[in-house]
């Protein structure tokens, strides 16, 4: 997977409370494929125990809502856009002539 070219087919990203929807559009066929992934940090889920929530509710709240979320970064392989593209990569193939992904 060529991460640099993923952004060239990324039409837009919609973020809500729980999910991120990435819309990938092929410039050749004009087909769009939507991939939805959970809204979570690139390196894993934010996990809390009941003990954390009961005894440290404010810290738990800040930890959840202030954890940095990486939408895309070429150096990290588990960002939201890359996870989303992995889910729909079977619909695309790499075209060496155009140096881009083509919808198949």
N, C-alpha and C. Protein backbone atom coordinates (compact mmCIF):
# COMPACT_ATOMS: atom_id res chain seq x y z
N UNK A 1 0.84 -1.17 0.00
CA UNK A 1 0.00 0.00 0.00
C UNK A 1 0.89 1.24 0.00
N UNK A 2 0.65 2.14 -0.92
CA UNK A 2 1.42 3.37 -1.03
C UNK A 2 0.65 4.48 -0.31
N UNK A 3 1.06 4.79 0.92
CA UNK A 3 0.32 5.72 1.76
C UNK A 3 0.23 7.12 1.16
N UNK A 4 1.25 7.53 0.46
CA UNK A 4 1.26 8.87 -0.12
C UNK A 4 0.10 9.04 -1.10
N UNK A 5 -0.25 8.00 -1.84
CA UNK A 5 -1.30 8.10 -2.83
C UNK A 5 -2.70 7.85 -2.27
N UNK A 6 -2.79 7.42 -1.03
CA UNK A 6 -4.10 7.28 -0.41
C UNK A 6 -4.76 8.64 -0.31
N UNK A 7 -4.01 9.64 0.06
CA UNK A 7 -4.59 10.97 0.22
C UNK A 7 -5.06 11.55 -1.11
N UNK A 8 -4.50 11.10 -2.22
CA UNK A 8 -4.94 11.63 -3.52
C UNK A 8 -6.32 11.10 -3.91
N UNK A 9 -6.74 9.96 -3.36
CA UNK A 9 -8.09 9.46 -3.65
C UNK A 9 -9.05 9.73 -2.49
N UNK A 10 -8.56 10.33 -1.43
CA UNK A 10 -9.41 10.66 -0.28
C UNK A 10 -10.22 11.91 -0.61
N UNK A 11 -11.52 11.72 -0.77
CA UNK A 11 -12.39 12.84 -1.14
C UNK A 11 -12.68 13.72 0.08
N UNK A 12 -13.14 13.09 1.16
CA UNK A 12 -13.33 13.82 2.41
C UNK A 12 -13.47 12.85 3.57
N UNK A 13 -13.35 13.41 4.78
CA UNK A 13 -13.44 12.64 6.01
C UNK A 13 -14.53 13.28 6.86
N UNK A 14 -15.46 12.45 7.33
CA UNK A 14 -16.53 12.93 8.21
C UNK A 14 -16.30 12.31 9.58
N UNK A 15 -16.26 13.17 10.60
CA UNK A 15 -16.00 12.71 11.97
C UNK A 15 -17.22 13.01 12.83
N UNK A 16 -17.71 11.99 13.52
CA UNK A 16 -18.76 12.23 14.51
C UNK A 16 -18.27 11.71 15.85
N UNK A 17 -19.17 11.59 16.82
CA UNK A 17 -18.77 11.20 18.17
C UNK A 17 -18.06 9.86 18.25
N UNK A 18 -18.52 8.88 17.48
CA UNK A 18 -18.02 7.53 17.64
C UNK A 18 -17.30 6.97 16.42
N UNK A 19 -17.54 7.53 15.25
CA UNK A 19 -16.99 6.96 14.02
C UNK A 19 -16.38 8.01 13.12
N UNK A 20 -15.50 7.54 12.26
CA UNK A 20 -14.91 8.38 11.22
C UNK A 20 -15.22 7.70 9.89
N UNK A 21 -15.81 8.44 8.98
CA UNK A 21 -16.12 7.92 7.64
C UNK A 21 -15.18 8.56 6.65
N UNK A 22 -14.45 7.72 5.93
CA UNK A 22 -13.52 8.19 4.90
C UNK A 22 -14.11 7.85 3.53
N UNK A 23 -14.20 8.83 2.68
CA UNK A 23 -14.74 8.66 1.34
C UNK A 23 -13.58 8.68 0.35
N UNK A 24 -13.36 7.53 -0.30
CA UNK A 24 -12.29 7.39 -1.28
C UNK A 24 -12.91 7.40 -2.68
N UNK A 25 -12.45 8.32 -3.53
CA UNK A 25 -13.02 8.43 -4.88
C UNK A 25 -11.93 8.22 -5.92
N UNK A 26 -12.21 7.30 -6.84
CA UNK A 26 -11.30 7.04 -7.95
C UNK A 26 -11.47 8.15 -8.98
N UNK A 27 -10.36 8.75 -9.38
CA UNK A 27 -10.41 9.85 -10.35
C UNK A 27 -10.65 9.37 -11.77
N UNK A 28 -10.40 8.10 -12.03
CA UNK A 28 -10.58 7.56 -13.38
C UNK A 28 -12.04 7.14 -13.59
N UNK A 29 -12.59 6.35 -12.67
CA UNK A 29 -13.95 5.83 -12.83
C UNK A 29 -15.00 6.69 -12.12
N UNK A 30 -14.55 7.61 -11.29
CA UNK A 30 -15.42 8.50 -10.51
C UNK A 30 -16.29 7.73 -9.50
N UNK A 31 -15.91 6.53 -9.14
CA UNK A 31 -16.62 5.72 -8.14
C UNK A 31 -16.11 6.09 -6.75
N UNK A 32 -17.04 6.12 -5.80
CA UNK A 32 -16.69 6.43 -4.41
C UNK A 32 -16.96 5.22 -3.54
N UNK A 33 -16.03 4.93 -2.65
CA UNK A 33 -16.16 3.86 -1.68
C UNK A 33 -16.02 4.50 -0.30
N UNK A 34 -16.96 4.18 0.60
CA UNK A 34 -16.96 4.75 1.94
C UNK A 34 -16.51 3.67 2.93
N UNK A 35 -15.62 4.06 3.82
CA UNK A 35 -15.14 3.16 4.86
C UNK A 35 -15.34 3.85 6.21
N UNK A 36 -15.93 3.13 7.16
CA UNK A 36 -16.18 3.68 8.48
C UNK A 36 -15.37 2.91 9.51
N UNK A 37 -14.66 3.65 10.34
CA UNK A 37 -13.85 3.05 11.40
C UNK A 37 -14.17 3.75 12.72
N UNK A 38 -13.92 3.09 13.85
CA UNK A 38 -14.17 3.73 15.15
C UNK A 38 -13.29 4.95 15.35
N UNK A 39 -13.81 5.93 16.04
CA UNK A 39 -13.07 7.14 16.37
C UNK A 39 -12.20 6.84 17.58
N UNK A 40 -10.94 6.53 17.35
CA UNK A 40 -10.02 6.13 18.42
C UNK A 40 -8.61 6.51 18.03
N UNK A 41 -7.71 6.58 19.00
CA UNK A 41 -6.32 6.90 18.69
C UNK A 41 -5.71 5.85 17.75
N UNK A 42 -4.70 6.25 16.98
CA UNK A 42 -4.12 5.35 15.99
C UNK A 42 -3.41 4.17 16.62
N UNK A 43 -2.95 4.30 17.85
CA UNK A 43 -2.17 3.21 18.44
C UNK A 43 -2.98 2.31 19.37
N UNK A 44 -4.28 2.42 19.35
CA UNK A 44 -5.09 1.51 20.15
C UNK A 44 -6.31 2.19 20.72
N UNK A 45 -7.11 1.40 21.36
CA UNK A 45 -8.34 1.91 21.96
C UNK A 45 -8.05 2.55 23.31
N UNK A 46 -8.93 3.45 23.69
CA UNK A 46 -8.86 4.03 25.02
C UNK A 46 -9.70 3.13 25.93
N UNK A 47 -9.07 2.55 26.91
CA UNK A 47 -9.78 1.62 27.78
C UNK A 47 -9.81 2.14 29.20
N UNK A 48 -10.95 1.95 29.83
CA UNK A 48 -11.14 2.35 31.22
C UNK A 48 -11.68 1.17 32.00
N UNK A 49 -11.34 1.14 33.26
CA UNK A 49 -11.95 0.16 34.15
C UNK A 49 -13.09 0.87 34.88
N UNK A 50 -13.98 0.08 35.45
CA UNK A 50 -15.06 0.68 36.25
C UNK A 50 -14.48 1.46 37.42
N UNK A 51 -13.38 0.97 37.95
CA UNK A 51 -12.72 1.64 39.08
C UNK A 51 -12.27 3.04 38.66
N UNK A 52 -11.69 3.16 37.45
CA UNK A 52 -11.27 4.48 36.94
C UNK A 52 -12.47 5.42 36.83
N UNK A 53 -13.55 4.93 36.25
CA UNK A 53 -14.73 5.76 36.01
C UNK A 53 -15.39 6.18 37.33
N UNK A 54 -15.45 5.27 38.29
CA UNK A 54 -16.11 5.57 39.57
C UNK A 54 -15.25 6.46 40.46
N UNK A 55 -13.97 6.12 40.59
CA UNK A 55 -13.11 6.83 41.53
C UNK A 55 -12.36 8.01 40.92
N UNK A 56 -12.24 8.05 39.61
CA UNK A 56 -11.54 9.15 38.95
C UNK A 56 -12.32 9.60 37.70
N UNK A 57 -13.57 10.03 37.89
CA UNK A 57 -14.39 10.36 36.71
C UNK A 57 -13.87 11.54 35.90
N UNK A 58 -13.36 12.55 36.56
CA UNK A 58 -12.88 13.73 35.82
C UNK A 58 -11.62 13.38 35.03
N UNK A 59 -10.70 12.65 35.64
CA UNK A 59 -9.49 12.24 34.94
C UNK A 59 -9.84 11.32 33.76
N UNK A 60 -10.81 10.43 33.96
CA UNK A 60 -11.24 9.53 32.88
C UNK A 60 -11.84 10.33 31.73
N UNK A 61 -12.65 11.31 32.07
CA UNK A 61 -13.26 12.17 31.05
C UNK A 61 -12.18 12.87 30.23
N UNK A 62 -11.22 13.51 30.92
CA UNK A 62 -10.17 14.24 30.21
C UNK A 62 -9.28 13.30 29.40
N UNK A 63 -9.03 12.14 29.92
CA UNK A 63 -8.21 11.17 29.19
C UNK A 63 -8.90 10.75 27.89
N UNK A 64 -10.22 10.55 27.97
CA UNK A 64 -10.97 10.13 26.78
C UNK A 64 -11.08 11.27 25.77
N UNK A 65 -11.45 12.45 26.20
CA UNK A 65 -11.72 13.54 25.28
C UNK A 65 -10.49 14.36 24.89
N UNK A 66 -9.37 14.11 25.53
CA UNK A 66 -8.17 14.87 25.19
C UNK A 66 -7.04 13.98 24.68
N UNK A 67 -7.36 12.76 24.31
CA UNK A 67 -6.36 11.88 23.70
C UNK A 67 -6.19 12.30 22.25
N UNK A 68 -4.96 12.57 21.81
CA UNK A 68 -4.77 13.01 20.42
C UNK A 68 -5.19 11.92 19.43
N UNK A 69 -5.85 12.34 18.39
CA UNK A 69 -6.29 11.45 17.34
C UNK A 69 -5.52 11.83 16.08
N UNK A 70 -4.88 10.87 15.45
CA UNK A 70 -4.13 11.14 14.23
C UNK A 70 -4.95 10.65 13.05
N UNK A 71 -5.38 11.59 12.23
CA UNK A 71 -6.19 11.25 11.06
C UNK A 71 -5.30 10.63 9.98
N UNK A 72 -4.17 11.26 9.70
CA UNK A 72 -3.24 10.71 8.71
C UNK A 72 -1.83 11.19 8.99
N UNK A 73 -0.88 10.28 8.84
CA UNK A 73 0.54 10.60 8.97
C UNK A 73 1.30 9.53 8.21
N UNK A 74 2.13 9.94 7.26
CA UNK A 74 2.86 8.96 6.43
C UNK A 74 3.80 8.08 7.24
N UNK A 75 4.27 8.56 8.38
CA UNK A 75 5.22 7.79 9.18
C UNK A 75 4.55 6.72 10.04
N UNK A 76 3.30 6.95 10.42
CA UNK A 76 2.56 5.98 11.23
C UNK A 76 1.65 5.16 10.34
N UNK A 77 1.65 3.85 10.52
CA UNK A 77 0.89 2.96 9.64
C UNK A 77 -0.49 2.60 10.18
N UNK A 78 -0.85 3.09 11.35
CA UNK A 78 -2.14 2.73 11.94
C UNK A 78 -2.99 3.96 12.23
N UNK A 79 -2.97 4.93 11.33
CA UNK A 79 -3.82 6.10 11.51
C UNK A 79 -5.23 5.80 11.01
N UNK A 80 -6.14 6.70 11.26
CA UNK A 80 -7.54 6.48 10.90
C UNK A 80 -7.71 6.29 9.40
N UNK A 81 -7.09 7.13 8.59
CA UNK A 81 -7.24 7.00 7.13
C UNK A 81 -6.66 5.68 6.63
N UNK A 82 -5.53 5.28 7.15
CA UNK A 82 -4.93 4.02 6.72
C UNK A 82 -5.76 2.82 7.14
N UNK A 83 -6.33 2.86 8.34
CA UNK A 83 -7.22 1.78 8.77
C UNK A 83 -8.45 1.71 7.87
N UNK A 84 -8.99 2.88 7.55
CA UNK A 84 -10.17 2.93 6.69
C UNK A 84 -9.85 2.40 5.29
N UNK A 85 -8.70 2.77 4.76
CA UNK A 85 -8.34 2.31 3.42
C UNK A 85 -8.10 0.80 3.39
N UNK A 86 -7.52 0.26 4.44
CA UNK A 86 -7.30 -1.20 4.51
C UNK A 86 -8.61 -1.95 4.38
N UNK A 87 -9.68 -1.41 4.98
CA UNK A 87 -10.98 -2.07 4.93
C UNK A 87 -11.56 -2.12 3.51
N UNK A 88 -11.22 -1.15 2.67
CA UNK A 88 -11.80 -1.08 1.32
C UNK A 88 -10.76 -1.27 0.22
N UNK A 89 -9.55 -1.62 0.58
CA UNK A 89 -8.48 -1.74 -0.42
C UNK A 89 -8.76 -2.82 -1.46
N UNK A 90 -9.63 -3.78 -1.15
CA UNK A 90 -9.96 -4.83 -2.12
C UNK A 90 -10.71 -4.25 -3.33
N UNK A 91 -11.25 -3.06 -3.20
CA UNK A 91 -11.97 -2.43 -4.31
C UNK A 91 -11.06 -1.60 -5.21
N UNK A 92 -9.80 -1.50 -4.84
CA UNK A 92 -8.84 -0.69 -5.59
C UNK A 92 -7.64 -1.53 -6.00
N UNK A 93 -7.02 -1.14 -7.08
CA UNK A 93 -5.73 -1.73 -7.48
C UNK A 93 -4.78 -0.59 -7.81
N UNK A 94 -3.51 -0.87 -7.62
CA UNK A 94 -2.49 0.13 -7.90
C UNK A 94 -2.23 0.16 -9.40
N UNK A 95 -2.24 1.33 -10.00
CA UNK A 95 -1.96 1.50 -11.41
C UNK A 95 -0.62 2.22 -11.55
N UNK A 96 0.37 1.51 -12.02
CA UNK A 96 1.72 2.07 -12.13
C UNK A 96 1.78 3.20 -13.14
N UNK A 97 0.97 3.15 -14.18
CA UNK A 97 1.01 4.19 -15.22
C UNK A 97 0.57 5.55 -14.68
N UNK A 98 -0.49 5.55 -13.89
CA UNK A 98 -0.98 6.82 -13.34
C UNK A 98 -0.44 7.10 -11.95
N UNK A 99 0.26 6.12 -11.37
CA UNK A 99 0.79 6.24 -10.01
C UNK A 99 -0.32 6.57 -9.02
N UNK A 100 -1.42 5.82 -9.15
CA UNK A 100 -2.57 6.05 -8.31
C UNK A 100 -3.38 4.78 -8.16
N UNK A 101 -4.32 4.79 -7.21
CA UNK A 101 -5.23 3.67 -7.03
C UNK A 101 -6.42 3.84 -7.95
N UNK A 102 -6.85 2.74 -8.57
CA UNK A 102 -7.98 2.73 -9.49
C UNK A 102 -9.04 1.78 -8.94
N UNK A 103 -10.29 2.23 -8.99
CA UNK A 103 -11.42 1.40 -8.57
C UNK A 103 -11.59 0.26 -9.58
N UNK A 104 -11.73 -0.99 -9.08
CA UNK A 104 -11.91 -2.13 -9.99
C UNK A 104 -13.29 -2.71 -9.91
